[in-house]
Amino acid sequence: DSVKGRFTISGHNAENTVYLQMNSLKPEDTAVYYCA
């Protein structure tokens, strides 16, 4: 809920890559981000 409407996840199958587009960032978004 904290990121809904601001963050978007997408995947590129051919590149085997997943993306996290982060918009309207806030100071409380400060963190280490991990892919799992």
Full PDB file with SEQRES, HELIX, SHEET, SSBOND, CRYST1, ORIGX, SCALE, CONECT and MASTER records, all heavy atoms in Angstrom:
SEQRES   1 A   36  ASP SER VAL LYS GLY ARG PHE THR ILE SER GLY HIS ASN          
SEQRES   2 A   36  ALA GLU ASN THR VAL TYR LEU GLN MET ASN SER LEU LYS          
SEQRES   3 A   36  PRO GLU ASP THR ALA VAL TYR TYR CYS ALA                      
HELIX    1 AA1 PRO A   27  ASP A   29  5                                   3    
SHEET    1 AA1 2 PHE A   7  HIS A  12  0                                        
SHEET    2 AA1 2 THR A  17  MET A  22 -1                                        
CRYST1    1.000    1.000    1.000  90.00  90.00  90.00 P 1           1          
ORIGX1      1.000000  0.000000  0.000000        0.00000                         
ORIGX2      0.000000  1.000000  0.000000        0.00000                         
ORIGX3      0.000000  0.000000  1.000000        0.00000                         
SCALE1      1.000000  0.000000  0.000000        0.00000                         
SCALE2      0.000000  1.000000  0.000000        0.00000                         
SCALE3      0.000000  0.000000  1.000000        0.00000                         
ATOM      1  N   ASP A   1       0.825  -1.214   0.000  1.00  0.00           N  
ATOM      2  CA  ASP A   1       0.000   0.000   0.000  1.00  0.00           C  
ATOM      3  C   ASP A   1       0.857   1.262   0.000  1.00  0.00           C  
ATOM      4  O   ASP A   1       0.469   2.283  -0.574  1.00  0.00           O  
ATOM      5  CB  ASP A   1      -0.927   0.003   1.211  1.00  0.00           C  
ATOM      6  CG  ASP A   1      -2.042  -1.012   1.086  1.00  0.00           C  
ATOM      7  OD1 ASP A   1      -2.316  -1.483  -0.041  1.00  0.00           O  
ATOM      8  OD2 ASP A   1      -2.645  -1.350   2.117  1.00  0.00           O  
ATOM      9  N   SER A   2       2.005   1.195   0.630  1.00  0.00           N  
ATOM     10  CA  SER A   2       2.853   2.373   0.777  1.00  0.00           C  
ATOM     11  C   SER A   2       3.441   2.857  -0.550  1.00  0.00           C  
ATOM     12  O   SER A   2       3.887   4.000  -0.654  1.00  0.00           O  
ATOM     13  CB  SER A   2       3.983   2.092   1.768  1.00  0.00           C  
ATOM     14  OG  SER A   2       4.759   0.996   1.333  1.00  0.00           O  
ATOM     15  N   VAL A   3       3.455   1.993  -1.563  1.00  0.00           N  
ATOM     16  CA  VAL A   3       4.057   2.385  -2.839  1.00  0.00           C  
ATOM     17  C   VAL A   3       3.061   2.343  -3.990  1.00  0.00           C  
ATOM     18  O   VAL A   3       3.391   2.755  -5.112  1.00  0.00           O  
ATOM     19  CB  VAL A   3       5.269   1.485  -3.191  1.00  0.00           C  
ATOM     20  CG1 VAL A   3       6.271   1.474  -2.044  1.00  0.00           C  
ATOM     21  CG2 VAL A   3       4.832   0.064  -3.537  1.00  0.00           C  
ATOM     22  N   LYS A   4       1.865   1.871  -3.720  1.00  0.00           N  
ATOM     23  CA  LYS A   4       0.863   1.734  -4.770  1.00  0.00           C  
ATOM     24  C   LYS A   4       0.582   3.088  -5.412  1.00  0.00           C  
ATOM     25  O   LYS A   4       0.401   4.089  -4.728  1.00  0.00           O  
ATOM     26  CB  LYS A   4      -0.411   1.133  -4.172  1.00  0.00           C  
ATOM     27  CG  LYS A   4      -1.320   0.460  -5.164  1.00  0.00           C  
ATOM     28  CD  LYS A   4      -2.452  -0.263  -4.439  1.00  0.00           C  
ATOM     29  CE  LYS A   4      -1.942  -1.437  -3.631  1.00  0.00           C  
ATOM     30  NZ  LYS A   4      -3.036  -2.194  -2.975  1.00  0.00           N  
ATOM     31  N   GLY A   5       0.574   3.105  -6.727  1.00  0.00           N  
ATOM     32  CA  GLY A   5       0.336   4.336  -7.458  1.00  0.00           C  
ATOM     33  C   GLY A   5       1.596   5.127  -7.746  1.00  0.00           C  
ATOM     34  O   GLY A   5       1.582   6.054  -8.569  1.00  0.00           O  
ATOM     35  N   ARG A   6       2.696   4.768  -7.079  1.00  0.00           N  
ATOM     36  CA  ARG A   6       3.962   5.465  -7.307  1.00  0.00           C  
ATOM     37  C   ARG A   6       5.023   4.557  -7.930  1.00  0.00           C  
ATOM     38  O   ARG A   6       5.856   5.021  -8.707  1.00  0.00           O  
ATOM     39  CB  ARG A   6       4.514   6.017  -5.981  1.00  0.00           C  
ATOM     40  CG  ARG A   6       3.604   7.006  -5.288  1.00  0.00           C  
ATOM     41  CD  ARG A   6       4.283   7.638  -4.092  1.00  0.00           C  
ATOM     42  NE  ARG A   6       4.637   6.664  -3.054  1.00  0.00           N  
ATOM     43  CZ  ARG A   6       5.879   6.473  -2.600  1.00  0.00           C  
ATOM     44  NH1 ARG A   6       6.888   7.181  -3.087  1.00  0.00           N  
ATOM     45  NH2 ARG A   6       6.107   5.563  -1.658  1.00  0.00           N  
ATOM     46  N   PHE A   7       4.996   3.282  -7.582  1.00  0.00           N  
ATOM     47  CA  PHE A   7       5.980   2.321  -8.078  1.00  0.00           C  
ATOM     48  C   PHE A   7       5.322   1.389  -9.091  1.00  0.00           C  
ATOM     49  O   PHE A   7       4.144   1.032  -8.946  1.00  0.00           O  
ATOM     50  CB  PHE A   7       6.546   1.481  -6.937  1.00  0.00           C  
ATOM     51  CG  PHE A   7       7.439   2.224  -5.976  1.00  0.00           C  
ATOM     52  CD1 PHE A   7       7.542   3.608  -5.994  1.00  0.00           C  
ATOM     53  CD2 PHE A   7       8.173   1.522  -5.038  1.00  0.00           C  
ATOM     54  CE1 PHE A   7       8.366   4.285  -5.102  1.00  0.00           C  
ATOM     55  CE2 PHE A   7       9.009   2.171  -4.140  1.00  0.00           C  
ATOM     56  CZ  PHE A   7       9.095   3.555  -4.182  1.00  0.00           C  
ATOM     57  N   THR A   8       6.103   0.982 -10.072  1.00  0.00           N  
ATOM     58  CA  THR A   8       5.613   0.054 -11.090  1.00  0.00           C  
ATOM     59  C   THR A   8       6.663  -1.015 -11.347  1.00  0.00           C  
ATOM     60  O   THR A   8       7.833  -0.692 -11.595  1.00  0.00           O  
ATOM     61  CB  THR A   8       5.294   0.778 -12.404  1.00  0.00           C  
ATOM     62  OG1 THR A   8       4.334   1.815 -12.159  1.00  0.00           O  
ATOM     63  CG2 THR A   8       4.723  -0.190 -13.429  1.00  0.00           C  
ATOM     64  N   ILE A   9       6.225  -2.273 -11.312  1.00  0.00           N  
ATOM     65  CA  ILE A   9       7.105  -3.398 -11.619  1.00  0.00           C  
ATOM     66  C   ILE A   9       6.782  -3.886 -13.019  1.00  0.00           C  
ATOM     67  O   ILE A   9       5.615  -4.018 -13.403  1.00  0.00           O  
ATOM     68  CB  ILE A   9       6.913  -4.540 -10.614  1.00  0.00           C  
ATOM     69  CG1 ILE A   9       7.398  -4.110  -9.227  1.00  0.00           C  
ATOM     70  CG2 ILE A   9       7.654  -5.790 -11.059  1.00  0.00           C  
ATOM     71  CD1 ILE A   9       7.092  -5.125  -8.140  1.00  0.00           C  
ATOM     72  N   SER A  10       7.828  -4.150 -13.774  1.00  0.00           N  
ATOM     73  CA  SER A  10       7.648  -4.712 -15.102  1.00  0.00           C  
ATOM     74  C   SER A  10       8.768  -5.698 -15.367  1.00  0.00           C  
ATOM     75  O   SER A  10       9.818  -5.659 -14.722  1.00  0.00           O  
ATOM     76  CB  SER A  10       7.627  -3.616 -16.170  1.00  0.00           C  
ATOM     77  OG  SER A  10       8.858  -2.915 -16.164  1.00  0.00           O  
ATOM     78  N   GLY A  11       8.524  -6.575 -16.322  1.00  0.00           N  
ATOM     79  CA  GLY A  11       9.526  -7.582 -16.638  1.00  0.00           C  
ATOM     80  C   GLY A  11       9.794  -7.633 -18.121  1.00  0.00           C  
ATOM     81  O   GLY A  11       8.891  -7.408 -18.927  1.00  0.00           O  
ATOM     82  N   HIS A  12      11.035  -7.914 -18.455  1.00  0.00           N  
ATOM     83  CA  HIS A  12      11.414  -8.068 -19.853  1.00  0.00           C  
ATOM     84  C   HIS A  12      11.882  -9.510 -20.019  1.00  0.00           C  
ATOM     85  O   HIS A  12      12.994  -9.869 -19.634  1.00  0.00           O  
ATOM     86  CB  HIS A  12      12.514  -7.082 -20.224  1.00  0.00           C  
ATOM     87  CG  HIS A  12      12.710  -6.948 -21.701  1.00  0.00           C  
ATOM     88  ND1 HIS A  12      13.080  -8.018 -22.491  1.00  0.00           N  
ATOM     89  CD2 HIS A  12      12.561  -5.904 -22.526  1.00  0.00           C  
ATOM     90  CE1 HIS A  12      13.170  -7.621 -23.728  1.00  0.00           C  
ATOM     91  NE2 HIS A  12      12.864  -6.344 -23.782  1.00  0.00           N  
ATOM     92  N   ASN A  13      11.021 -10.325 -20.576  1.00  0.00           N  
ATOM     93  CA  ASN A  13      11.272 -11.757 -20.659  1.00  0.00           C  
ATOM     94  C   ASN A  13      12.563 -12.078 -21.403  1.00  0.00           C  
ATOM     95  O   ASN A  13      13.387 -12.865 -20.944  1.00  0.00           O  
ATOM     96  CB  ASN A  13      10.074 -12.430 -21.326  1.00  0.00           C  
ATOM     97  CG  ASN A  13      10.050 -13.910 -21.049  1.00  0.00           C  
ATOM     98  OD1 ASN A  13      11.017 -14.502 -20.587  1.00  0.00           O  
ATOM     99  ND2 ASN A  13       8.924 -14.547 -21.337  1.00  0.00           N  
ATOM    100  N   ALA A  14      12.751 -11.474 -22.547  1.00  0.00           N  
ATOM    101  CA  ALA A  14      13.911 -11.795 -23.384  1.00  0.00           C  
ATOM    102  C   ALA A  14      15.219 -11.415 -22.703  1.00  0.00           C  
ATOM    103  O   ALA A  14      16.256 -12.055 -22.913  1.00  0.00           O  
ATOM    104  CB  ALA A  14      13.791 -11.088 -24.727  1.00  0.00           C  
ATOM    105  N   GLU A  15      15.171 -10.381 -21.873  1.00  0.00           N  
ATOM    106  CA  GLU A  15      16.382  -9.931 -21.180  1.00  0.00           C  
ATOM    107  C   GLU A  15      16.508 -10.557 -19.795  1.00  0.00           C  
ATOM    108  O   GLU A  15      17.494 -10.308 -19.108  1.00  0.00           O  
ATOM    109  CB  GLU A  15      16.385  -8.408 -21.070  1.00  0.00           C  
ATOM    110  CG  GLU A  15      16.453  -7.696 -22.414  1.00  0.00           C  
ATOM    111  CD  GLU A  15      16.432  -6.185 -22.262  1.00  0.00           C  
ATOM    112  OE1 GLU A  15      16.246  -5.702 -21.125  1.00  0.00           O  
ATOM    113  OE2 GLU A  15      16.604  -5.495 -23.284  1.00  0.00           O  
ATOM    114  N   ASN A  16      15.517 -11.309 -19.364  1.00  0.00           N  
ATOM    115  CA  ASN A  16      15.515 -11.885 -18.020  1.00  0.00           C  
ATOM    116  C   ASN A  16      15.746 -10.817 -16.962  1.00  0.00           C  
ATOM    117  O   ASN A  16      16.547 -10.992 -16.037  1.00  0.00           O  
ATOM    118  CB  ASN A  16      16.593 -12.960 -17.895  1.00  0.00           C  
ATOM    119  CG  ASN A  16      16.034 -14.348 -18.084  1.00  0.00           C  
ATOM    120  OD1 ASN A  16      14.830 -14.539 -18.194  1.00  0.00           O  
ATOM    121  ND2 ASN A  16      16.908 -15.319 -18.119  1.00  0.00           N  
ATOM    122  N   THR A  17      15.067  -9.712 -17.112  1.00  0.00           N  
ATOM    123  CA  THR A  17      15.250  -8.575 -16.211  1.00  0.00           C  
ATOM    124  C   THR A  17      13.901  -8.090 -15.710  1.00  0.00           C  
ATOM    125  O   THR A  17      12.942  -8.025 -16.480  1.00  0.00           O  
ATOM    126  CB  THR A  17      15.981  -7.431 -16.936  1.00  0.00           C  
ATOM    127  OG1 THR A  17      17.254  -7.903 -17.393  1.00  0.00           O  
ATOM    128  CG2 THR A  17      16.193  -6.255 -16.001  1.00  0.00           C  
ATOM    129  N   VAL A  18      13.836  -7.765 -14.439  1.00  0.00           N  
ATOM    130  CA  VAL A  18      12.644  -7.155 -13.862  1.00  0.00           C  
ATOM    131  C   VAL A  18      13.029  -5.766 -13.384  1.00  0.00           C  
ATOM    132  O   VAL A  18      14.138  -5.550 -12.884  1.00  0.00           O  
ATOM    133  CB  VAL A  18      12.063  -8.019 -12.720  1.00  0.00           C  
ATOM    134  CG1 VAL A  18      13.030  -8.154 -11.571  1.00  0.00           C  
ATOM    135  CG2 VAL A  18      10.751  -7.446 -12.229  1.00  0.00           C  
ATOM    136  N   TYR A  19      12.124  -4.827 -13.579  1.00  0.00           N  
ATOM    137  CA  TYR A  19      12.385  -3.432 -13.263  1.00  0.00           C  
ATOM    138  C   TYR A  19      11.459  -2.945 -12.161  1.00  0.00           C  
ATOM    139  O   TYR A  19      10.335  -3.430 -12.017  1.00  0.00           O  
ATOM    140  CB  TYR A  19      12.185  -2.559 -14.504  1.00  0.00           C  
ATOM    141  CG  TYR A  19      13.062  -2.950 -15.664  1.00  0.00           C  
ATOM    142  CD1 TYR A  19      12.570  -3.747 -16.695  1.00  0.00           C  
ATOM    143  CD2 TYR A  19      14.383  -2.525 -15.726  1.00  0.00           C  
ATOM    144  CE1 TYR A  19      13.372  -4.110 -17.755  1.00  0.00           C  
ATOM    145  CE2 TYR A  19      15.190  -2.880 -16.797  1.00  0.00           C  
ATOM    146  CZ  TYR A  19      14.682  -3.670 -17.802  1.00  0.00           C  
ATOM    147  OH  TYR A  19      15.493  -4.024 -18.855  1.00  0.00           O  
ATOM    148  N   LEU A  20      11.938  -1.970 -11.418  1.00  0.00           N  
ATOM    149  CA  LEU A  20      11.119  -1.278 -10.442  1.00  0.00           C  
ATOM    150  C   LEU A  20      11.232   0.210 -10.739  1.00  0.00           C  
ATOM    151  O   LEU A  20      12.264   0.833 -10.462  1.00  0.00           O  
ATOM    152  CB  LEU A  20      11.589  -1.574  -9.013  1.00  0.00           C  
ATOM    153  CG  LEU A  20      10.810  -0.859  -7.905  1.00  0.00           C  
ATOM    154  CD1 LEU A  20       9.358  -1.356  -7.881  1.00  0.00           C  
ATOM    155  CD2 LEU A  20      11.460  -1.109  -6.546  1.00  0.00           C  
ATOM    156  N   GLN A  21      10.193   0.759 -11.358  1.00  0.00           N  
ATOM    157  CA  GLN A  21      10.143   2.179 -11.644  1.00  0.00           C  
ATOM    158  C   GLN A  21       9.549   2.878 -10.435  1.00  0.00           C  
ATOM    159  O   GLN A  21       8.424   2.563 -10.033  1.00  0.00           O  
ATOM    160  CB  GLN A  21       9.287   2.451 -12.889  1.00  0.00           C  
ATOM    161  CG  GLN A  21       9.126   3.928 -13.224  1.00  0.00           C  
ATOM    162  CD  GLN A  21      10.425   4.569 -13.648  1.00  0.00           C  
ATOM    163  OE1 GLN A  21      11.179   4.022 -14.426  1.00  0.00           O  
ATOM    164  NE2 GLN A  21      10.677   5.777 -13.132  1.00  0.00           N  
ATOM    165  N   MET A  22      10.297   3.805  -9.872  1.00  0.00           N  
ATOM    166  CA  MET A  22       9.869   4.490  -8.657  1.00  0.00           C  
ATOM    167  C   MET A  22       9.704   5.973  -8.956  1.00  0.00           C  
ATOM    168  O   MET A  22      10.669   6.642  -9.316  1.00  0.00           O  
ATOM    169  CB  MET A  22      10.902   4.276  -7.540  1.00  0.00           C  
ATOM    170  CG  MET A  22      11.210   2.823  -7.265  1.00  0.00           C  
ATOM    171  SD  MET A  22      12.321   2.575  -5.868  1.00  0.00           S  
ATOM    172  CE  MET A  22      13.812   3.325  -6.505  1.00  0.00           C  
ATOM    173  N   ASN A  23       8.480   6.451  -8.828  1.00  0.00           N  
ATOM    174  CA  ASN A  23       8.164   7.862  -9.068  1.00  0.00           C  
ATOM    175  C   ASN A  23       7.686   8.511  -7.779  1.00  0.00           C  
ATOM    176  O   ASN A  23       7.320   7.830  -6.820  1.00  0.00           O  
ATOM    177  CB  ASN A  23       7.085   7.980 -10.138  1.00  0.00           C  
ATOM    178  CG  ASN A  23       7.521   7.420 -11.475  1.00  0.00           C  
ATOM    179  OD1 ASN A  23       8.701   7.466 -11.848  1.00  0.00           O  
ATOM    180  ND2 ASN A  23       6.569   6.867 -12.226  1.00  0.00           N  
ATOM    181  N   SER A  24       7.685   9.828  -7.773  1.00  0.00           N  
ATOM    182  CA  SER A  24       7.214  10.592  -6.606  1.00  0.00           C  
ATOM    183  C   SER A  24       7.864  10.082  -5.321  1.00  0.00           C  
ATOM    184  O   SER A  24       7.189   9.828  -4.327  1.00  0.00           O  
ATOM    185  CB  SER A  24       5.685  10.497  -6.494  1.00  0.00           C  
ATOM    186  OG  SER A  24       5.078  10.987  -7.675  1.00  0.00           O  
ATOM    187  N   LEU A  25       9.163   9.924  -5.371  1.00  0.00           N  
ATOM    188  CA  LEU A  25       9.885   9.351  -4.231  1.00  0.00           C  
ATOM    189  C   LEU A  25       9.805  10.254  -3.008  1.00  0.00           C  
ATOM    190  O   LEU A  25       9.785  11.496  -3.120  1.00  0.00           O  
ATOM    191  CB  LEU A  25      11.335   9.087  -4.608  1.00  0.00           C  
ATOM    192  CG  LEU A  25      11.534   7.828  -5.452  1.00  0.00           C  
ATOM    193  CD1 LEU A  25      12.869   7.849  -6.171  1.00  0.00           C  
ATOM    194  CD2 LEU A  25      11.415   6.577  -4.589  1.00  0.00           C  
ATOM    195  N   LYS A  26       9.769   9.607  -1.857  1.00  0.00           N  
ATOM    196  CA  LYS A  26       9.681  10.296  -0.567  1.00  0.00           C  
ATOM    197  C   LYS A  26      10.892   9.911   0.287  1.00  0.00           C  
ATOM    198  O   LYS A  26      11.467   8.827   0.096  1.00  0.00           O  
ATOM    199  CB  LYS A  26       8.408   9.869   0.161  1.00  0.00           C  
ATOM    200  CG  LYS A  26       7.137  10.072  -0.633  1.00  0.00           C  
ATOM    201  CD  LYS A  26       5.948   9.496   0.124  1.00  0.00           C  
ATOM    202  CE  LYS A  26       4.663   9.648  -0.661  1.00  0.00           C  
ATOM    203  NZ  LYS A  26       3.497   9.089   0.069  1.00  0.00           N  
ATOM    204  N   PRO A  27      11.252  10.743   1.247  1.00  0.00           N  
ATOM    205  CA  PRO A  27      12.374  10.383   2.123  1.00  0.00           C  
ATOM    206  C   PRO A  27      12.185   9.031   2.800  1.00  0.00           C  
ATOM    207  O   PRO A  27      13.162   8.308   3.019  1.00  0.00           O  
ATOM    208  CB  PRO A  27      12.401  11.533   3.132  1.00  0.00           C  
ATOM    209  CG  PRO A  27      11.856  12.696   2.379  1.00  0.00           C  
ATOM    210  CD  PRO A  27      10.794  12.120   1.496  1.00  0.00           C  
ATOM    211  N   GLU A  28      10.948   8.674   3.097  1.00  0.00           N  
ATOM    212  CA  GLU A  28      10.692   7.390   3.743  1.00  0.00           C  
ATOM    213  C   GLU A  28      10.883   6.197   2.811  1.00  0.00           C  
ATOM    214  O   GLU A  28      10.816   5.051   3.261  1.00  0.00           O  
ATOM    215  CB  GLU A  28       9.287   7.347   4.357  1.00  0.00           C  
ATOM    216  CG  GLU A  28       8.187   7.759   3.422  1.00  0.00           C  
ATOM    217  CD  GLU A  28       7.783   9.224   3.587  1.00  0.00           C  
ATOM    218  OE1 GLU A  28       8.698  10.082   3.715  1.00  0.00           O  
ATOM    219  OE2 GLU A  28       6.561   9.494   3.587  1.00  0.00           O  
ATOM    220  N   ASP A  29      11.139   6.434   1.554  1.00  0.00           N  
ATOM    221  CA  ASP A  29      11.475   5.356   0.622  1.00  0.00           C  
ATOM    222  C   ASP A  29      12.960   4.999   0.696  1.00  0.00           C  
ATOM    223  O   ASP A  29      13.396   4.033   0.060  1.00  0.00           O  
ATOM    224  CB  ASP A  29      11.142   5.753  -0.816  1.00  0.00           C  
ATOM    225  CG  ASP A  29       9.658   5.924  -1.055  1.00  0.00           C  
ATOM    226  OD1 ASP A  29       8.877   5.088  -0.548  1.00  0.00           O  
ATOM    227  OD2 ASP A  29       9.274   6.884  -1.735  1.00  0.00           O  
ATOM    228  N   THR A  30      13.715   5.760   1.451  1.00  0.00           N  
ATOM    229  CA  THR A  30      15.142   5.490   1.597  1.00  0.00           C  
ATOM    230  C   THR A  30      15.370   4.134   2.222  1.00  0.00           C  
ATOM    231  O   THR A  30      14.834   3.831   3.286  1.00  0.00           O  
ATOM    232  CB  THR A  30      15.812   6.574   2.463  1.00  0.00           C  
ATOM    233  OG1 THR A  30      15.739   7.829   1.789  1.00  0.00           O  
ATOM    234  CG2 THR A  30      17.267   6.229   2.743  1.00  0.00           C  
ATOM    235  N   ALA A  31      16.135   3.284   1.534  1.00  0.00           N  
ATOM    236  CA  ALA A  31      16.371   1.911   1.989  1.00  0.00           C  
ATOM    237  C   ALA A  31      17.320   1.230   1.014  1.00  0.00           C  
ATOM    238  O   ALA A  31      17.619   1.760  -0.057  1.00  0.00           O  
ATOM    239  CB  ALA A  31      15.066   1.132   2.052  1.00  0.00           C  
ATOM    240  N   VAL A  32      17.766   0.050   1.415  1.00  0.00           N  
ATOM    241  CA  VAL A  32      18.417  -0.841   0.463  1.00  0.00           C  
ATOM    242  C   VAL A  32      17.319  -1.672  -0.178  1.00  0.00           C  
ATOM    243  O   VAL A  32      16.498  -2.267   0.524  1.00  0.00           O  
ATOM    244  CB  VAL A  32      19.446  -1.747   1.155  1.00  0.00           C  
ATOM    245  CG1 VAL A  32      20.052  -2.719   0.143  1.00  0.00           C  
ATOM    246  CG2 VAL A  32      20.531  -0.907   1.823  1.00  0.00           C  
ATOM    247  N   TYR A  33      17.307  -1.697  -1.482  1.00  0.00           N  
ATOM    248  CA  TYR A  33      16.293  -2.433  -2.232  1.00  0.00           C  
ATOM    249  C   TYR A  33      16.870  -3.744  -2.747  1.00  0.00           C  
ATOM    250  O   TYR A  33      17.966  -3.766  -3.315  1.00  0.00           O  
ATOM    251  CB  TYR A  33      15.775  -1.580  -3.391  1.00  0.00           C  
ATOM    252  CG  TYR A  33      14.822  -0.508  -2.942  1.00  0.00           C  
ATOM    253  CD1 TYR A  33      15.272   0.590  -2.205  1.00  0.00           C  
ATOM    254  CD2 TYR A  33      13.460  -0.595  -3.215  1.00  0.00           C  
ATOM    255  CE1 TYR A  33      14.399   1.564  -1.760  1.00  0.00           C  
ATOM    256  CE2 TYR A  33      12.577   0.376  -2.778  1.00  0.00           C  
ATOM    257  CZ  TYR A  33      13.048   1.449  -2.051  1.00  0.00           C  
ATOM    258  OH  TYR A  33      12.174   2.409  -1.607  1.00  0.00           O  
ATOM    259  N   TYR A  34      16.104  -4.807  -2.535  1.00  0.00           N  
ATOM    260  CA  TYR A  34      16.541  -6.141  -2.909  1.00  0.00           C  
ATOM    261  C   TYR A  34      15.571  -6.778  -3.897  1.00  0.00           C  
ATOM    262  O   TYR A  34      14.350  -6.638  -3.760  1.00  0.00           O  
ATOM    263  CB  TYR A  34      16.601  -7.043  -1.686  1.00  0.00           C  
ATOM    264  CG  TYR A  34      17.605  -6.636  -0.643  1.00  0.00           C  
ATOM    265  CD1 TYR A  34      17.239  -5.798   0.412  1.00  0.00           C  
ATOM    266  CD2 TYR A  34      18.921  -7.094  -0.689  1.00  0.00           C  
ATOM    267  CE1 TYR A  34      18.153  -5.426   1.375  1.00  0.00           C  
ATOM    268  CE2 TYR A  34      19.839  -6.743   0.277  1.00  0.00           C  
ATOM    269  CZ  TYR A  34      19.452  -5.898   1.309  1.00  0.00           C  
ATOM    270  OH  TYR A  34      20.352  -5.542   2.262  1.00  0.00           O  
ATOM    271  N   CYS A  35      16.128  -7.509  -4.811  1.00  0.00           N  
ATOM    272  CA  CYS A  35      15.356  -8.354  -5.705  1.00  0.00           C  
ATOM    273  C   CYS A  35      15.378  -9.767  -5.129  1.00  0.00           C  
ATOM    274  O   CYS A  35      16.409 -10.205  -4.592  1.00  0.00           O  
ATOM    275  CB  CYS A  35      15.999  -8.333  -7.093  1.00  0.00           C  
ATOM    276  SG  CYS A  35      15.155  -9.279  -8.339  1.00  0.00           S  
ATOM    277  N   ALA A  36      14.258 -10.474  -5.206  1.00  0.00           N  
ATOM    278  CA  ALA A  36      14.174 -11.814  -4.645  1.00  0.00           C  
ATOM    279  C   ALA A  36      13.396 -12.723  -5.580  1.00  0.00           C  
ATOM    280  O   ALA A  36      12.573 -12.252  -6.375  1.00  0.00           O  
ATOM    281  CB  ALA A  36      13.499 -11.763  -3.279  1.00  0.00           C  
TER     282      ALA A  36                                                      
MASTER        0    0    0    1    2    0    0    6  281    1    0    3          
END                                                                             
